Amino acid sequence: MTEKKAALLALLGRRRDKEALCLLEEDPALIDEEVITAALDHGCVRVIRFLRSRGAITMAGRAAREERRLSEANAKIAAFDREMAEIEKLLDL
């Protein structure tokens, strides 16, 4: 990951909308699914408007983002279940 993209994702994560928008306007090549998802997840309205004006946010991409979020949630649940099973094993000694 490039420095600019890492900085952009960090700005989106902290909801620094204006700064993130400046980075995107300087370098539109940074736009990808990860950036779109971060902007949507963190409610960065200015960036979302910019992405919509560029045609980057689509309904087809929405299904993929929802599927990715669902699989991430399932992975977290599975990890939690494994940890609970380990704790139960230790308690049953």
PDB file of N, CA and C in Angstrom:
ATOM      1  N   MET A   1       0.855  -1.173   0.000  1.00  0.00           N
ATOM      2  CA  MET A   1       0.000   0.000   0.000  1.00  0.00           C
ATOM      3  C   MET A   1       0.903   1.239   0.000  1.00  0.00           C
ATOM      4  N   THR A   2       0.561   2.190  -0.831  1.00  0.00           N
ATOM      5  CA  THR A   2       1.360   3.399  -0.919  1.00  0.00           C
ATOM      6  C   THR A   2       1.118   4.301   0.290  1.00  0.00           C
ATOM      7  N   GLU A   3       2.036   5.231   0.462  1.00  0.00           N
ATOM      8  CA  GLU A   3       1.909   6.181   1.584  1.00  0.00           C
ATOM      9  C   GLU A   3       0.645   7.019   1.462  1.00  0.00           C
ATOM     10  N   LYS A   4       0.361   7.471   0.234  1.00  0.00           N
ATOM     11  CA  LYS A   4      -0.825   8.310   0.032  1.00  0.00           C
ATOM     12  C   LYS A   4      -2.107   7.555   0.364  1.00  0.00           C
ATOM     13  N   LYS A   5      -2.181   6.299  -0.064  1.00  0.00           N
ATOM     14  CA  LYS A   5      -3.393   5.521   0.196  1.00  0.00           C
ATOM     15  C   LYS A   5      -3.531   5.234   1.686  1.00  0.00           C
ATOM     16  N   ALA A   6      -2.423   4.915   2.351  1.00  0.00           N
ATOM     17  CA  ALA A   6      -2.466   4.680   3.794  1.00  0.00           C
ATOM     18  C   ALA A   6      -2.916   5.942   4.519  1.00  0.00           C
ATOM     19  N   ALA A   7      -2.414   7.090   4.087  1.00  0.00           N
ATOM     20  CA  ALA A   7      -2.814   8.366   4.692  1.00  0.00           C
ATOM     21  C   ALA A   7      -4.293   8.637   4.444  1.00  0.00           C
ATOM     22  N   LEU A   8      -4.756   8.334   3.240  1.00  0.00           N
ATOM     23  CA  LEU A   8      -6.163   8.536   2.892  1.00  0.00           C
ATOM     24  C   LEU A   8      -7.066   7.660   3.758  1.00  0.00           C
ATOM     25  N   LEU A   9      -6.714   6.388   3.907  1.00  0.00           N
ATOM     26  CA  LEU A   9      -7.515   5.487   4.735  1.00  0.00           C
ATOM     27  C   LEU A   9      -7.511   5.922   6.195  1.00  0.00           C
ATOM     28  N   ALA A  10      -6.371   6.422   6.664  1.00  0.00           N
ATOM     29  CA  ALA A  10      -6.300   6.922   8.042  1.00  0.00           C
ATOM     30  C   ALA A  10      -7.197   8.143   8.221  1.00  0.00           C
ATOM     31  N   LEU A  11      -7.193   9.032   7.243  1.00  0.00           N
ATOM     32  CA  LEU A  11      -8.055  10.217   7.318  1.00  0.00           C
ATOM     33  C   LEU A  11      -9.525   9.826   7.301  1.00  0.00           C
ATOM     34  N   LEU A  12      -9.877   8.883   6.461  1.00  0.00           N
ATOM     35  CA  LEU A  12     -11.273   8.434   6.412  1.00  0.00           C
ATOM     36  C   LEU A  12     -11.667   7.768   7.724  1.00  0.00           C
ATOM     37  N   GLY A  13     -10.755   7.006   8.304  1.00  0.00           N
ATOM     38  CA  GLY A  13     -11.031   6.343   9.577  1.00  0.00           C
ATOM     39  C   GLY A  13     -11.255   7.317  10.712  1.00  0.00           C
ATOM     40  N   ARG A  14     -10.600   8.474  10.626  1.00  0.00           N
ATOM     41  CA  ARG A  14     -10.773   9.502  11.661  1.00  0.00           C
ATOM     42  C   ARG A  14     -11.819  10.545  11.270  1.00  0.00           C
ATOM     43  N   ARG A  15     -12.517  10.277  10.160  1.00  0.00           N
ATOM     44  CA  ARG A  15     -13.562  11.170   9.630  1.00  0.00           C
ATOM     45  C   ARG A  15     -13.042  12.573   9.326  1.00  0.00           C
ATOM     46  N   ARG A  16     -11.847  12.639   8.794  1.00  0.00           N
ATOM     47  CA  ARG A  16     -11.262  13.906   8.369  1.00  0.00           C
ATOM     48  C   ARG A  16     -11.609  14.095   6.899  1.00  0.00           C
ATOM     49  N   ASP A  17     -12.863  14.455   6.678  1.00  0.00           N
ATOM     50  CA  ASP A  17     -13.468  14.497   5.357  1.00  0.00           C
ATOM     51  C   ASP A  17     -12.781  15.477   4.407  1.00  0.00           C
ATOM     52  N   LYS A  18     -12.524  16.685   4.871  1.00  0.00           N
ATOM     53  CA  LYS A  18     -11.936  17.702   3.995  1.00  0.00           C
ATOM     54  C   LYS A  18     -10.550  17.306   3.522  1.00  0.00           C
ATOM     55  N   GLU A  19      -9.721  16.815   4.439  1.00  0.00           N
ATOM     56  CA  GLU A  19      -8.362  16.416   4.073  1.00  0.00           C
ATOM     57  C   GLU A  19      -8.373  15.226   3.121  1.00  0.00           C
ATOM     58  N   ALA A  20      -9.260  14.270   3.385  1.00  0.00           N
ATOM     59  CA  ALA A  20      -9.372  13.098   2.514  1.00  0.00           C
ATOM     60  C   ALA A  20      -9.821  13.515   1.117  1.00  0.00           C
ATOM     61  N   LEU A  21     -10.749  14.438   1.050  1.00  0.00           N
ATOM     62  CA  LEU A  21     -11.227  14.922  -0.244  1.00  0.00           C
ATOM     63  C   LEU A  21     -10.101  15.602  -1.014  1.00  0.00           C
ATOM     64  N   CYS A  22      -9.277  16.377  -0.329  1.00  0.00           N
ATOM     65  CA  CYS A  22      -8.139  17.030  -0.989  1.00  0.00           C
ATOM     66  C   CYS A  22      -7.196  15.990  -1.596  1.00  0.00           C
ATOM     67  N   LEU A  23      -6.914  14.928  -0.851  1.00  0.00           N
ATOM     68  CA  LEU A  23      -6.051  13.870  -1.376  1.00  0.00           C
ATOM     69  C   LEU A  23      -6.656  13.209  -2.605  1.00  0.00           C
ATOM     70  N   LEU A  24      -7.952  12.957  -2.568  1.00  0.00           N
ATOM     71  CA  LEU A  24      -8.612  12.323  -3.703  1.00  0.00           C
ATOM     72  C   LEU A  24      -8.650  13.230  -4.929  1.00  0.00           C
ATOM     73  N   GLU A  25      -8.861  14.524  -4.703  1.00  0.00           N
ATOM     74  CA  GLU A  25      -8.885  15.453  -5.831  1.00  0.00           C
ATOM     75  C   GLU A  25      -7.502  15.573  -6.461  1.00  0.00           C
ATOM     76  N   GLU A  26      -6.449  15.494  -5.640  1.00  0.00           N
ATOM     77  CA  GLU A  26      -5.083  15.550  -6.166  1.00  0.00           C
ATOM     78  C   GLU A  26      -4.732  14.290  -6.950  1.00  0.00           C
ATOM     79  N   ASP A  27      -5.191  13.126  -6.437  1.00  0.00           N
ATOM     80  CA  ASP A  27      -4.826  11.854  -7.052  1.00  0.00           C
ATOM     81  C   ASP A  27      -6.048  10.921  -7.114  1.00  0.00           C
ATOM     82  N   PRO A  28      -6.895  11.067  -8.141  1.00  0.00           N
ATOM     83  CA  PRO A  28      -8.084  10.208  -8.255  1.00  0.00           C
ATOM     84  C   PRO A  28      -7.750   8.731  -8.453  1.00  0.00           C
ATOM     85  N   ALA A  29      -6.497   8.413  -8.763  1.00  0.00           N
ATOM     86  CA  ALA A  29      -6.101   7.013  -8.939  1.00  0.00           C
ATOM     87  C   ALA A  29      -6.167   6.234  -7.626  1.00  0.00           C
ATOM     88  N   LEU A  30      -6.299   6.933  -6.508  1.00  0.00           N
ATOM     89  CA  LEU A  30      -6.397   6.279  -5.203  1.00  0.00           C
ATOM     90  C   LEU A  30      -7.756   5.613  -4.981  1.00  0.00           C
ATOM     91  N   ILE A  31      -8.725   5.942  -5.823  1.00  0.00           N
ATOM     92  CA  ILE A  31     -10.076   5.407  -5.647  1.00  0.00           C
ATOM     93  C   ILE A  31     -10.090   3.915  -5.968  1.00  0.00           C
ATOM     94  N   ASP A  32     -10.479   3.116  -4.978  1.00  0.00           N
ATOM     95  CA  ASP A  32     -10.705   1.690  -5.169  1.00  0.00           C
ATOM     96  C   ASP A  32     -11.760   1.240  -4.164  1.00  0.00           C
ATOM     97  N   GLU A  33     -12.075  -0.038  -4.157  1.00  0.00           N
ATOM     98  CA  GLU A  33     -13.138  -0.551  -3.280  1.00  0.00           C
ATOM     99  C   GLU A  33     -12.835  -0.322  -1.804  1.00  0.00           C
ATOM    100  N   GLU A  34     -11.571  -0.410  -1.429  1.00  0.00           N
ATOM    101  CA  GLU A  34     -11.204  -0.212  -0.023  1.00  0.00           C
ATOM    102  C   GLU A  34     -11.484   1.224   0.419  1.00  0.00           C
ATOM    103  N   VAL A  35     -11.170   2.175  -0.434  1.00  0.00           N
ATOM    104  CA  VAL A  35     -11.411   3.590  -0.139  1.00  0.00           C
ATOM    105  C   VAL A  35     -12.914   3.865  -0.108  1.00  0.00           C
ATOM    106  N   ILE A  36     -13.641   3.312  -1.073  1.00  0.00           N
ATOM    107  CA  ILE A  36     -15.093   3.511  -1.116  1.00  0.00           C
ATOM    108  C   ILE A  36     -15.741   2.950   0.140  1.00  0.00           C
ATOM    109  N   THR A  37     -15.352   1.746   0.531  1.00  0.00           N
ATOM    110  CA  THR A  37     -15.916   1.116   1.723  1.00  0.00           C
ATOM    111  C   THR A  37     -15.594   1.931   2.972  1.00  0.00           C
ATOM    112  N   ALA A  38     -14.364   2.408   3.083  1.00  0.00           N
ATOM    113  CA  ALA A  38     -13.974   3.211   4.250  1.00  0.00           C
ATOM    114  C   ALA A  38     -14.795   4.496   4.319  1.00  0.00           C
ATOM    115  N   ALA A  39     -14.987   5.159   3.191  1.00  0.00           N
ATOM    116  CA  ALA A  39     -15.766   6.402   3.164  1.00  0.00           C
ATOM    117  C   ALA A  39     -17.209   6.141   3.577  1.00  0.00           C
ATOM    118  N   LEU A  40     -17.789   5.064   3.067  1.00  0.00           N
ATOM    119  CA  LEU A  40     -19.173   4.742   3.408  1.00  0.00           C
ATOM    120  C   LEU A  40     -19.306   4.309   4.865  1.00  0.00           C
ATOM    121  N   ASP A  41     -18.381   3.498   5.342  1.00  0.00           N
ATOM    122  CA  ASP A  41     -18.445   3.000   6.718  1.00  0.00           C
ATOM    123  C   ASP A  41     -18.299   4.116   7.746  1.00  0.00           C
ATOM    124  N   HIS A  42     -17.503   5.126   7.420  1.00  0.00           N
ATOM    125  CA  HIS A  42     -17.242   6.190   8.379  1.00  0.00           C
ATOM    126  C   HIS A  42     -18.082   7.439   8.126  1.00  0.00           C
ATOM    127  N   GLY A  43     -18.957   7.386   7.135  1.00  0.00           N
ATOM    128  CA  GLY A  43     -19.882   8.496   6.894  1.00  0.00           C
ATOM    129  C   GLY A  43     -19.220   9.780   6.447  1.00  0.00           C
ATOM    130  N   CYS A  44     -18.221   9.678   5.607  1.00  0.00           N
ATOM    131  CA  CYS A  44     -17.523  10.864   5.093  1.00  0.00           C
ATOM    132  C   CYS A  44     -18.309  11.427   3.908  1.00  0.00           C
ATOM    133  N   VAL A  45     -19.207  12.334   4.201  1.00  0.00           N
ATOM    134  CA  VAL A  45     -20.200  12.811   3.230  1.00  0.00           C
ATOM    135  C   VAL A  45     -19.557  13.494   2.033  1.00  0.00           C
ATOM    136  N   ARG A  46     -18.590  14.348   2.252  1.00  0.00           N
ATOM    137  CA  ARG A  46     -17.966  15.051   1.131  1.00  0.00           C
ATOM    138  C   ARG A  46     -17.274  14.078   0.181  1.00  0.00           C
ATOM    139  N   VAL A  47     -16.590  13.112   0.757  1.00  0.00           N
ATOM    140  CA  VAL A  47     -15.898  12.115  -0.068  1.00  0.00           C
ATOM    141  C   VAL A  47     -16.922  11.255  -0.807  1.00  0.00           C
ATOM    142  N   ILE A  48     -18.007  10.892  -0.139  1.00  0.00           N
ATOM    143  CA  ILE A  48     -19.046  10.088  -0.783  1.00  0.00           C
ATOM    144  C   ILE A  48     -19.647  10.852  -1.961  1.00  0.00           C
ATOM    145  N   ARG A  49     -19.907  12.137  -1.782  1.00  0.00           N
ATOM    146  CA  ARG A  49     -20.434  12.946  -2.892  1.00  0.00           C
ATOM    147  C   ARG A  49     -19.456  12.975  -4.056  1.00  0.00           C
ATOM    148  N   PHE A  50     -18.168  13.143  -3.744  1.00  0.00           N
ATOM    149  CA  PHE A  50     -17.140  13.165  -4.780  1.00  0.00           C
ATOM    150  C   PHE A  50     -17.108  11.834  -5.528  1.00  0.00           C
ATOM    151  N   LEU A  51     -17.153  10.738  -4.768  1.00  0.00           N
ATOM    152  CA  LEU A  51     -17.116   9.410  -5.387  1.00  0.00           C
ATOM    153  C   LEU A  51     -18.348   9.169  -6.254  1.00  0.00           C
ATOM    154  N   ARG A  52     -19.499   9.630  -5.805  1.00  0.00           N
ATOM    155  CA  ARG A  52     -20.719   9.478  -6.615  1.00  0.00           C
ATOM    156  C   ARG A  52     -20.635  10.303  -7.887  1.00  0.00           C
ATOM    157  N   SER A  53     -20.072  11.502  -7.788  1.00  0.00           N
ATOM    158  CA  SER A  53     -19.950  12.347  -8.977  1.00  0.00           C
ATOM    159  C   SER A  53     -19.004  11.720 -10.006  1.00  0.00           C
ATOM    160  N   ARG A  54     -18.054  10.928  -9.532  1.00  0.00           N
ATOM    161  CA  ARG A  54     -17.112  10.241 -10.424  1.00  0.00           C
ATOM    162  C   ARG A  54     -17.664   8.891 -10.900  1.00  0.00           C
ATOM    163  N   GLY A  55     -18.832   8.482 -10.377  1.00  0.00           N
ATOM    164  CA  GLY A  55     -19.423   7.217 -10.767  1.00  0.00           C
ATOM    165  C   GLY A  55     -18.758   6.014 -10.123  1.00  0.00           C
ATOM    166  N   ALA A  56     -18.074   6.229  -9.003  1.00  0.00           N
ATOM    167  CA  ALA A  56     -17.344   5.137  -8.343  1.00  0.00           C
ATOM    168  C   ALA A  56     -18.240   4.292  -7.451  1.00  0.00           C
ATOM    169  N   ILE A  57     -19.309   4.868  -6.928  1.00  0.00           N
ATOM    170  CA  ILE A  57     -20.210   4.132  -6.051  1.00  0.00           C
ATOM    171  C   ILE A  57     -21.385   3.648  -6.889  1.00  0.00           C
ATOM    172  N   THR A  58     -21.510   2.320  -6.990  1.00  0.00           N
ATOM    173  CA  THR A  58     -22.570   1.737  -7.809  1.00  0.00           C
ATOM    174  C   THR A  58     -23.358   0.722  -7.002  1.00  0.00           C
ATOM    175  N   MET A  59     -24.512   0.363  -7.501  1.00  0.00           N
ATOM    176  CA  MET A  59     -25.331  -0.652  -6.837  1.00  0.00           C
ATOM    177  C   MET A  59     -24.679  -2.027  -6.946  1.00  0.00           C
ATOM    178  N   ALA A  60     -23.971  -2.281  -8.024  1.00  0.00           N
ATOM    179  CA  ALA A  60     -23.279  -3.562  -8.168  1.00  0.00           C
ATOM    180  C   ALA A  60     -22.183  -3.683  -7.103  1.00  0.00           C
ATOM    181  N   GLY A  61     -21.506  -2.605  -6.828  1.00  0.00           N
ATOM    182  CA  GLY A  61     -20.475  -2.601  -5.797  1.00  0.00           C
ATOM    183  C   GLY A  61     -21.068  -2.746  -4.405  1.00  0.00           C
ATOM    184  N   ARG A  62     -22.294  -2.312  -4.242  1.00  0.00           N
ATOM    185  CA  ARG A  62     -22.951  -2.399  -2.939  1.00  0.00           C
ATOM    186  C   ARG A  62     -23.100  -3.852  -2.496  1.00  0.00           C
ATOM    187  N   ALA A  63     -23.514  -4.695  -3.406  1.00  0.00           N
ATOM    188  CA  ALA A  63     -23.682  -6.114  -3.078  1.00  0.00           C
ATOM    189  C   ALA A  63     -22.351  -6.729  -2.658  1.00  0.00           C
ATOM    190  N   ALA A  64     -21.296  -6.379  -3.348  1.00  0.00           N
ATOM    191  CA  ALA A  64     -19.967  -6.910  -2.999  1.00  0.00           C
ATOM    192  C   ALA A  64     -19.522  -6.404  -1.632  1.00  0.00           C
ATOM    193  N   ARG A  65     -19.780  -5.129  -1.338  1.00  0.00           N
ATOM    194  CA  ARG A  65     -19.400  -4.574  -0.033  1.00  0.00           C
ATOM    195  C   ARG A  65     -20.186  -5.240   1.092  1.00  0.00           C
ATOM    196  N   GLU A  66     -21.477  -5.462   0.867  1.00  0.00           N
ATOM    197  CA  GLU A  66     -22.299  -6.120   1.884  1.00  0.00           C
ATOM    198  C   GLU A  66     -21.840  -7.557   2.112  1.00  0.00           C
ATOM    199  N   GLU A  67     -21.483  -8.245   1.044  1.00  0.00           N
ATOM    200  CA  GLU A  67     -20.986  -9.624   1.161  1.00  0.00           C
ATOM    201  C   GLU A  67     -19.675  -9.658   1.948  1.00  0.00           C
ATOM    202  N   ARG A  68     -18.783  -8.694   1.670  1.00  0.00           N
ATOM    203  CA  ARG A  68     -17.501  -8.627   2.384  1.00  0.00           C
ATOM    204  C   ARG A  68     -17.733  -8.328   3.865  1.00  0.00           C
ATOM    205  N   ARG A  69     -18.640  -7.416   4.173  1.00  0.00           N
ATOM    206  CA  ARG A  69     -18.947  -7.109   5.579  1.00  0.00           C
ATOM    207  C   ARG A  69     -19.517  -8.329   6.296  1.00  0.00           C
ATOM    208  N   LEU A  70     -20.381  -9.058   5.617  1.00  0.00           N
ATOM    209  CA  LEU A  70     -20.983 -10.250   6.201  1.00  0.00           C
ATOM    210  C   LEU A  70     -19.927 -11.323   6.470  1.00  0.00           C
ATOM    211  N   SER A  71     -19.037 -11.528   5.532  1.00  0.00           N
ATOM    212  CA  SER A  71     -17.997 -12.545   5.744  1.00  0.00           C
ATOM    213  C   SER A  71     -17.033 -12.117   6.849  1.00  0.00           C
ATOM    214  N   GLU A  72     -16.745 -10.817   6.961  1.00  0.00           N
ATOM    215  CA  GLU A  72     -15.895 -10.343   8.056  1.00  0.00           C
ATOM    216  C   GLU A  72     -16.576 -10.560   9.404  1.00  0.00           C
ATOM    217  N   ALA A  73     -17.878 -10.297   9.471  1.00  0.00           N
ATOM    218  CA  ALA A  73     -18.617 -10.512  10.716  1.00  0.00           C
ATOM    219  C   ALA A  73     -18.638 -11.991  11.079  1.00  0.00           C
ATOM    220  N   ASN A  74     -18.836 -12.846  10.090  1.00  0.00           N
ATOM    221  CA  ASN A  74     -18.828 -14.285  10.347  1.00  0.00           C
ATOM    222  C   ASN A  74     -17.462 -14.759  10.827  1.00  0.00           C
ATOM    223  N   ALA A  75     -16.401 -14.201  10.269  1.00  0.00           N
ATOM    224  CA  ALA A  75     -15.051 -14.572  10.702  1.00  0.00           C
ATOM    225  C   ALA A  75     -14.817 -14.156  12.150  1.00  0.00           C
ATOM    226  N   LYS A  76     -15.310 -12.982  12.528  1.00  0.00           N
ATOM    227  CA  LYS A  76     -15.166 -12.530  13.915  1.00  0.00           C
ATOM    228  C   LYS A  76     -15.953 -13.414  14.873  1.00  0.00           C
ATOM    229  N   ILE A  77     -17.138 -13.825  14.457  1.00  0.00           N
ATOM    230  CA  ILE A  77     -17.958 -14.718  15.286  1.00  0.00           C
ATOM    231  C   ILE A  77     -17.268 -16.071  15.449  1.00  0.00           C
ATOM    232  N   ALA A  78     -16.705 -16.582  14.368  1.00  0.00           N
ATOM    233  CA  ALA A  78     -16.012 -17.868  14.431  1.00  0.00           C
ATOM    234  C   ALA A  78     -14.788 -17.781  15.346  1.00  0.00           C
ATOM    235  N   ALA A  79     -14.055 -16.681  15.277  1.00  0.00           N
ATOM    236  CA  ALA A  79     -12.891 -16.501  16.155  1.00  0.00           C
ATOM    237  C   ALA A  79     -13.330 -16.425  17.614  1.00  0.00           C
ATOM    238  N   PHE A  80     -14.437 -15.737  17.876  1.00  0.00           N
ATOM    239  CA  PHE A  80     -14.968 -15.653  19.228  1.00  0.00           C
ATOM    240  C   PHE A  80     -15.378 -17.032  19.735  1.00  0.00           C
ATOM    241  N   ASP A  81     -16.036 -17.803  18.885  1.00  0.00           N
ATOM    242  CA  ASP A  81     -16.453 -19.158  19.266  1.00  0.00           C
ATOM    243  C   ASP A  81     -15.245 -20.037  19.593  1.00  0.00           C
ATOM    244  N   ARG A  82     -14.169 -19.915  18.811  1.00  0.00           N
ATOM    245  CA  ARG A  82     -12.953 -20.692  19.090  1.00  0.00           C
ATOM    246  C   ARG A  82     -12.345 -20.297  20.429  1.00  0.00           C
ATOM    247  N   GLU A  83     -12.312 -18.999  20.705  1.00  0.00           N
ATOM    248  CA  GLU A  83     -11.768 -18.538  21.976  1.00  0.00           C
ATOM    249  C   GLU A  83     -12.613 -19.020  23.149  1.00  0.00           C
ATOM    250  N   MET A  84     -13.920 -18.983  22.993  1.00  0.00           N
ATOM    251  CA  MET A  84     -14.805 -19.469  24.064  1.00  0.00           C
ATOM    252  C   MET A  84     -14.607 -20.961  24.289  1.00  0.00           C
ATOM    253  N   ALA A  85     -14.412 -21.731  23.226  1.00  0.00           N
ATOM    254  CA  ALA A  85     -14.176 -23.164  23.364  1.00  0.00           C
ATOM    255  C   ALA A  85     -12.871 -23.417  24.126  1.00  0.00           C
ATOM    256  N   GLU A  86     -11.846 -22.626  23.849  1.00  0.00           N
ATOM    257  CA  GLU A  86     -10.576 -22.757  24.565  1.00  0.00           C
ATOM    258  C   GLU A  86     -10.747 -22.430  26.048  1.00  0.00           C
ATOM    259  N   ILE A  87     -11.506 -21.394  26.341  1.00  0.00           N
ATOM    260  CA  ILE A  87     -11.754 -21.014  27.738  1.00  0.00           C
ATOM    261  C   ILE A  87     -12.537 -22.108  28.449  1.00  0.00           C
ATOM    262  N   GLU A  88     -13.530 -22.662  27.775  1.00  0.00           N
ATOM    263  CA  GLU A  88     -14.309 -23.752  28.375  1.00  0.00           C
ATOM    264  C   GLU A  88     -13.440 -24.966  28.662  1.00  0.00           C
ATOM    265  N   LYS A  89     -12.502 -25.269  27.766  1.00  0.00           N
ATOM    266  CA  LYS A  89     -11.581 -26.377  27.987  1.00  0.00           C
ATOM    267  C   LYS A  89     -10.745 -26.127  29.251  1.00  0.00           C
ATOM    268  N   LEU A  90     -10.253 -24.916  29.383  1.00  0.00           N
ATOM    269  CA  LEU A  90      -9.430 -24.579  30.548  1.00  0.00           C
ATOM    270  C   LEU A  90     -10.235 -24.635  31.847  1.00  0.00           C
ATOM    271  N   LEU A  91     -11.494 -24.251  31.798  1.00  0.00           N
ATOM    272  CA  LEU A  91     -12.325 -24.270  32.990  1.00  0.00           C
ATOM    273  C   LEU A  91     -12.757 -25.680  33.394  1.00  0.00           C
ATOM    274  N   ASP A  92     -12.797 -26.590  32.441  1.00  0.00           N
ATOM    275  CA  ASP A  92     -13.211 -27.959  32.725  1.00  0.00           C
ATOM    276  C   ASP A  92     -12.085 -28.833  33.265  1.00  0.00           C
ATOM    277  N   LEU A  93     -10.933 -28.263  33.443  1.00  0.00           N
ATOM    278  CA  LEU A  93      -9.804 -29.059  33.963  1.00  0.00           C
ATOM    279  C   LEU A  93     -10.205 -29.679  35.224  1.00  0.00           C
TER     280      LEU A  93
END
